[in-house]
Amino acid sequence: MGSFAQRLKKFFGIQHVVSESLFEELTDLLVEGDFGAAGAYKTVETLRSLCKKEKITQAEGVRQSLVKLLEEQLVLSPRPASLEESTGALQVILLLGVNGVGKTTTAAKLAARYQGQQRKPVLAAADTFRAAAIDQLKIHGERLGVRVVAHKHGGDPAAVIYDAIEAARSGGVDLIIADTAGRMHTKSALVEELKKIDRVVEAKAEGSRYVKWLVLDATTGRNALVQAATFHQAVALDGIILTKYDSSAKGGVVFSLAEELKVPVLYLCTGEQYPDIHPFDPHHYVLEFAGLA
């Protein structure tokens, strides 16, 4: 997001007083930052009214008001209770997403993170479509010292998670992280298969805390919102993890996810190493987006 943040910083740096052109150019800039036309227009209209009400005449005051407004958008979206601390009961995380977003690596990062908090995770290799995904998860399991429940290539993904829950309940495990196959949000048959997995897991996980987290590539811009909307309609998402969050990610889609879908971003992934996953901080994110961090 660095390059876009620099553009926004430069924009406010050359603006001095509040004018109609400032708001018009800011709208265009937010659209370029993956905000979306409707979201950018709505945000700037609210910002314009706020500045008028508070008699703001300097551009820096507009930026500070924008920061406040954007943070409110993120904070007001529902924030689920954290899984960072064990409740004693079994918790099940189902990771979803399209091909290539980094679900398998993200599953390993989550396992490593929760291990560091004295949790006892199990990884479920429910991406049975790709043999390489099963092997990759097993390698992560060996490195982390985490058990991996897996079936043969081409097996039933729901059965893998079913067995993982059975193993967890008999083995003192308090957290299951299930990796699933990448499925294009445009393929209805694959989305229907996902609904089946969800039904099986929900029934088997009764009495546990079961959540569905979507993994999105932060560099895909507005397409990430389309993906999220399709998955959310299919299985009711509980949260989002953004991967590949680097200088090429513009960042505006996060506000659309909060405003339009009411699905909160939970983690940002910034690299390939296990520690490169960080809880989402709305305040810091907005400051960074506005070029103030």
Protein backbone atom coordinates (compact mmCIF):
# COMPACT_ATOMS: atom_id res chain seq x y z
CA MET A 1 0.00 0.00 0.00
CA GLY A 2 3.07 2.21 0.24
CA SER A 3 2.93 3.68 -3.25
CA PHE A 4 -0.74 4.63 -3.00
CA ALA A 5 -0.24 6.06 0.49
CA GLN A 6 2.55 8.21 -0.93
CA ARG A 7 0.21 9.50 -3.62
CA LEU A 8 -2.41 10.43 -1.06
CA LYS A 9 0.24 12.07 1.10
CA LYS A 10 1.52 14.05 -1.87
CA PHE A 11 -2.03 15.06 -2.81
CA PHE A 12 -2.67 16.62 0.58
CA GLY A 13 0.82 18.09 0.57
CA ILE A 14 0.12 20.25 -2.47
CA GLN A 15 -3.42 21.17 -1.42
CA HIS A 16 -3.73 24.10 0.96
CA VAL A 17 -7.31 25.26 1.25
CA VAL A 18 -10.63 23.49 0.97
CA SER A 19 -12.20 23.75 -2.47
CA GLU A 20 -14.64 21.86 -4.66
CA SER A 21 -11.78 20.62 -6.82
CA LEU A 22 -10.11 19.12 -3.74
CA PHE A 23 -13.13 16.91 -3.09
CA GLU A 24 -13.48 15.99 -6.77
CA GLU A 25 -9.83 15.00 -7.07
CA LEU A 26 -9.97 13.12 -3.78
CA THR A 27 -12.92 11.08 -5.10
CA ASP A 28 -10.91 10.12 -8.20
CA LEU A 29 -7.92 9.23 -6.07
CA LEU A 30 -9.94 6.96 -3.77
CA VAL A 31 -11.37 5.17 -6.81
CA GLU A 32 -7.82 4.55 -8.03
CA GLY A 33 -7.00 3.19 -4.57
CA ASP A 34 -9.53 0.34 -5.03
CA PHE A 35 -12.22 2.09 -3.02
CA GLY A 36 -14.85 1.65 -5.72
CA ALA A 37 -16.77 4.47 -7.37
CA ALA A 38 -19.87 4.25 -5.18
CA GLY A 39 -17.87 3.94 -1.97
CA ALA A 40 -15.53 6.78 -2.90
CA TYR A 41 -18.43 9.09 -3.78
CA LYS A 42 -20.35 8.26 -0.58
CA THR A 43 -17.25 8.75 1.59
CA VAL A 44 -16.34 12.08 0.03
CA GLU A 45 -19.91 13.36 0.25
CA THR A 46 -19.93 12.52 3.98
CA LEU A 47 -16.52 14.14 4.31
CA ARG A 48 -17.67 17.30 2.51
CA SER A 49 -20.66 17.65 4.85
CA LEU A 50 -18.49 17.05 7.90
CA CYS A 51 -15.95 19.69 6.85
CA LYS A 52 -18.71 22.19 6.18
CA LYS A 53 -20.34 21.51 9.55
CA GLU A 54 -17.03 21.85 11.41
CA LYS A 55 -15.93 24.85 9.32
CA ILE A 56 -12.72 23.19 8.16
CA THR A 57 -10.87 25.42 5.72
CA GLN A 58 -7.42 23.81 5.46
CA ALA A 59 -6.55 20.67 3.47
CA GLU A 60 -4.77 19.05 6.41
CA GLY A 61 -7.99 19.33 8.39
CA VAL A 62 -9.74 17.48 5.57
CA ARG A 63 -7.18 14.68 5.77
CA GLN A 64 -7.60 14.35 9.55
CA SER A 65 -11.37 14.21 9.08
CA LEU A 66 -10.94 11.57 6.38
CA VAL A 67 -8.84 9.47 8.76
CA LYS A 68 -11.52 9.70 11.44
CA LEU A 69 -14.25 8.82 8.96
CA LEU A 70 -12.41 5.82 7.53
CA GLU A 71 -11.53 4.46 10.95
CA GLU A 72 -15.18 4.66 11.96
CA GLN A 73 -16.09 2.58 8.90
CA LEU A 74 -13.74 -0.17 10.00
CA VAL A 75 -14.46 -0.03 13.72
CA LEU A 76 -18.22 -0.08 13.16
CA SER A 77 -18.02 -3.31 11.16
CA PRO A 78 -18.64 -6.24 13.52
CA ARG A 79 -15.46 -7.57 15.15
CA PRO A 80 -15.78 -11.21 16.21
CA ALA A 81 -14.33 -12.38 19.48
CA SER A 82 -10.67 -13.29 19.08
CA LEU A 83 -9.44 -16.86 18.78
CA GLU A 84 -6.10 -15.74 20.16
CA GLU A 85 -6.88 -17.19 23.57
CA SER A 86 -8.10 -20.68 24.29
CA THR A 87 -11.55 -21.05 25.79
CA GLY A 88 -10.96 -24.71 26.59
CA ALA A 89 -13.52 -25.76 23.98
CA LEU A 90 -12.57 -27.00 20.51
CA GLN A 91 -12.37 -24.31 17.83
CA VAL A 92 -12.49 -25.01 14.08
CA ILE A 93 -11.22 -22.63 11.38
CA LEU A 94 -12.19 -23.34 7.77
CA LEU A 95 -9.95 -21.45 5.33
CA LEU A 96 -11.52 -20.65 1.96
CA GLY A 97 -10.47 -18.83 -1.19
CA VAL A 98 -9.67 -19.00 -4.88
CA ASN A 99 -6.54 -20.58 -6.35
CA GLY A 100 -3.20 -18.96 -5.63
CA VAL A 101 -4.07 -16.70 -2.70
CA GLY A 102 -1.86 -18.59 -0.23
CA LYS A 103 -4.31 -20.61 1.85
CA THR A 104 -1.92 -23.44 2.67
CA THR A 105 0.85 -21.11 3.80
CA THR A 106 -1.69 -19.06 5.76
CA ALA A 107 -2.90 -22.21 7.54
CA ALA A 108 0.69 -22.89 8.62
CA LYS A 109 1.19 -19.28 9.75
CA LEU A 110 -1.95 -19.48 11.89
CA ALA A 111 -0.80 -22.77 13.40
CA ALA A 112 2.57 -21.26 14.28
CA ARG A 113 0.95 -18.14 15.74
CA TYR A 114 -1.47 -20.08 17.93
CA GLN A 115 1.28 -22.47 19.00
CA GLY A 116 3.10 -19.47 20.39
CA GLN A 117 0.05 -18.79 22.56
CA GLN A 118 0.14 -22.27 24.08
CA ARG A 119 -2.60 -23.59 21.83
CA LYS A 120 -2.58 -27.18 20.48
CA PRO A 121 -3.53 -26.96 16.79
CA VAL A 122 -4.10 -29.69 14.21
CA LEU A 123 -3.89 -29.02 10.47
CA ALA A 124 -6.51 -30.66 8.23
CA ALA A 125 -5.45 -31.20 4.61
CA ALA A 126 -8.91 -30.74 3.08
CA ASP A 127 -7.50 -29.55 -0.25
CA THR A 128 -7.73 -33.05 -1.67
CA PHE A 129 -7.86 -31.76 -5.24
CA ARG A 130 -4.11 -31.03 -5.35
CA ALA A 131 -1.70 -33.70 -4.15
CA ALA A 132 0.93 -30.98 -3.83
CA ALA A 133 -1.24 -29.11 -1.32
CA ILE A 134 -1.42 -32.19 0.91
CA ASP A 135 2.35 -32.66 0.70
CA GLN A 136 2.97 -28.97 1.35
CA LEU A 137 0.82 -29.00 4.47
CA LYS A 138 2.60 -32.13 5.73
CA ILE A 139 5.95 -30.37 5.32
CA HIS A 140 4.66 -27.41 7.35
CA GLY A 141 3.36 -29.83 9.98
CA GLU A 142 6.77 -31.48 10.29
CA ARG A 143 8.52 -28.13 10.62
CA LEU A 144 6.11 -26.92 13.28
CA GLY A 145 5.65 -30.19 15.11
CA VAL A 146 1.91 -30.04 14.37
CA ARG A 147 -0.18 -33.08 13.48
CA VAL A 148 -1.64 -33.10 9.97
CA VAL A 149 -4.80 -35.11 9.26
CA ALA A 150 -4.89 -36.08 5.59
CA HIS A 151 -6.58 -38.54 3.22
CA LYS A 152 -5.59 -39.69 -0.24
CA HIS A 153 -5.50 -37.33 -3.21
CA GLY A 154 -9.02 -37.03 -4.62
CA GLY A 155 -10.75 -37.92 -1.36
CA ASP A 156 -13.76 -36.25 0.26
CA PRO A 157 -12.61 -32.94 1.84
CA ALA A 158 -15.49 -32.94 4.32
CA ALA A 159 -14.40 -36.40 5.53
CA VAL A 160 -10.89 -35.07 6.22
CA ILE A 161 -12.22 -32.34 8.50
CA TYR A 162 -14.64 -34.82 10.09
CA ASP A 163 -11.71 -37.08 10.98
CA ALA A 164 -9.68 -34.10 12.22
CA ILE A 165 -12.48 -33.19 14.65
CA GLU A 166 -12.65 -36.82 15.84
CA ALA A 167 -8.88 -36.83 16.38
CA ALA A 168 -8.98 -33.48 18.17
CA ARG A 169 -11.65 -34.58 20.61
CA SER A 170 -9.75 -37.73 21.52
CA GLY A 171 -6.31 -36.17 21.63
CA GLY A 172 -6.49 -33.01 23.74
CA VAL A 173 -6.35 -30.68 20.74
CA ASP A 174 -8.19 -27.34 21.07
CA LEU A 175 -7.89 -25.92 17.53
CA ILE A 176 -8.34 -27.28 13.99
CA ILE A 177 -7.17 -25.27 10.98
CA ALA A 178 -8.55 -26.72 7.76
CA ASP A 179 -7.02 -25.91 4.38
CA THR A 180 -9.51 -26.28 1.49
CA ALA A 181 -9.13 -26.45 -2.28
CA GLY A 182 -9.00 -23.24 -4.25
CA ARG A 183 -12.27 -22.80 -6.06
CA MET A 184 -13.15 -20.09 -8.51
CA HIS A 185 -16.03 -18.01 -7.21
CA THR A 186 -17.49 -18.08 -10.74
CA LYS A 187 -17.88 -21.88 -10.75
CA SER A 188 -21.28 -22.72 -9.25
CA ALA A 189 -20.56 -26.47 -8.88
CA LEU A 190 -17.48 -25.77 -6.77
CA VAL A 191 -19.38 -23.28 -4.61
CA GLU A 192 -22.12 -25.90 -4.10
CA GLU A 193 -19.46 -28.38 -2.98
CA LEU A 194 -18.28 -25.81 -0.47
CA LYS A 195 -21.81 -25.56 0.95
CA LYS A 196 -21.76 -29.33 1.47
CA ILE A 197 -18.43 -29.12 3.33
CA ASP A 198 -19.87 -26.34 5.48
CA ARG A 199 -22.96 -28.38 6.37
CA VAL A 200 -20.92 -31.44 7.33
CA VAL A 201 -18.44 -29.47 9.42
CA GLU A 202 -21.15 -27.44 11.15
CA ALA A 203 -22.97 -30.62 12.16
CA LYS A 204 -19.81 -32.38 13.34
CA ALA A 205 -18.47 -29.30 15.12
CA GLU A 206 -21.64 -28.80 17.16
CA GLY A 207 -20.68 -27.56 20.60
CA SER A 208 -17.44 -26.12 19.25
CA ARG A 209 -16.67 -22.67 17.91
CA TYR A 210 -16.71 -22.97 14.11
CA VAL A 211 -15.61 -20.04 11.91
CA LYS A 212 -15.13 -19.56 8.16
CA TRP A 213 -12.34 -17.25 7.09
CA LEU A 214 -11.74 -16.17 3.51
CA VAL A 215 -8.17 -15.71 2.31
CA LEU A 216 -7.83 -12.89 -0.24
CA ASP A 217 -4.87 -11.65 -2.27
CA ALA A 218 -4.56 -7.96 -1.34
CA THR A 219 -3.08 -7.11 -4.74
CA THR A 220 -6.18 -8.13 -6.70
CA GLY A 221 -8.03 -4.92 -5.87
CA ARG A 222 -11.75 -4.77 -6.52
CA ASN A 223 -11.86 -8.40 -7.65
CA ALA A 224 -11.28 -9.32 -4.01
CA LEU A 225 -14.67 -7.79 -3.14
CA VAL A 226 -16.39 -9.83 -5.87
CA GLN A 227 -14.79 -13.00 -4.52
CA ALA A 228 -15.77 -12.15 -0.95
CA ALA A 229 -19.38 -11.40 -1.91
CA THR A 230 -19.76 -14.79 -3.64
CA PHE A 231 -18.22 -16.79 -0.80
CA HIS A 232 -20.15 -14.81 1.80
CA GLN A 233 -23.44 -15.52 0.06
CA ALA A 234 -22.60 -19.23 -0.04
CA VAL A 235 -21.40 -19.87 3.52
CA ALA A 236 -21.66 -16.67 5.62
CA LEU A 237 -18.06 -15.64 6.28
CA ASP A 238 -16.84 -14.70 9.76
CA GLY A 239 -13.66 -12.91 8.75
CA ILE A 240 -11.02 -12.23 6.11
CA ILE A 241 -7.26 -12.67 5.92
CA LEU A 242 -5.37 -10.50 3.41
CA THR A 243 -2.22 -12.02 1.95
CA LYS A 244 0.50 -10.42 -0.18
CA TYR A 245 -0.03 -7.16 1.66
CA ASP A 246 2.90 -5.17 0.29
CA SER A 247 3.56 -1.99 -1.68
CA SER A 248 1.49 -3.19 -4.64
CA ALA A 249 -1.66 -3.42 -2.55
CA LYS A 250 -3.62 -0.17 -2.69
CA GLY A 251 -5.77 -1.03 0.30
CA GLY A 252 -9.10 0.62 -0.42
CA VAL A 253 -11.00 -2.64 -0.82
CA VAL A 254 -10.80 -3.18 2.96
CA PHE A 255 -13.29 -0.35 3.46
CA SER A 256 -15.68 -1.89 0.91
CA LEU A 257 -15.50 -5.23 2.69
CA ALA A 258 -16.49 -3.50 5.93
CA GLU A 259 -19.12 -1.19 4.44
CA GLU A 260 -20.80 -3.45 1.90
CA LEU A 261 -20.38 -6.95 3.32
CA LYS A 262 -19.91 -6.20 7.04
CA VAL A 263 -17.13 -8.78 7.10
CA PRO A 264 -14.07 -7.70 9.10
CA VAL A 265 -10.45 -8.17 8.10
CA LEU A 266 -8.75 -10.16 10.87
CA TYR A 267 -5.13 -10.59 9.75
CA LEU A 268 -2.64 -9.17 7.26
CA CYS A 269 0.13 -11.35 5.80
CA THR A 270 3.26 -9.48 4.79
CA GLY A 271 5.69 -12.22 3.74
CA GLU A 272 6.33 -15.94 3.43
CA GLN A 273 7.77 -16.67 6.89
CA TYR A 274 5.64 -18.03 9.73
CA PRO A 275 5.77 -14.79 11.80
CA ASP A 276 4.61 -12.71 8.80
CA ILE A 277 0.98 -12.64 9.91
CA HIS A 278 -0.35 -9.77 12.02
CA PRO A 279 -3.70 -8.99 13.65
CA PHE A 280 -5.51 -6.27 11.73
CA ASP A 281 -5.34 -2.90 13.49
CA PRO A 282 -7.97 -0.51 12.03
CA HIS A 283 -6.32 2.62 13.46
CA HIS A 284 -2.85 1.85 12.10
CA TYR A 285 -4.29 0.69 8.79
CA VAL A 286 -6.12 3.97 8.21
CA LEU A 287 -3.06 6.02 9.16
CA GLU A 288 -0.99 4.01 6.72
CA PHE A 289 -3.64 4.35 4.00
CA ALA A 290 -3.67 8.11 4.43
CA GLY A 291 0.13 8.35 4.34
CA LEU A 292 0.42 9.29 8.01
CA ALA A 293 2.17 6.18 9.33
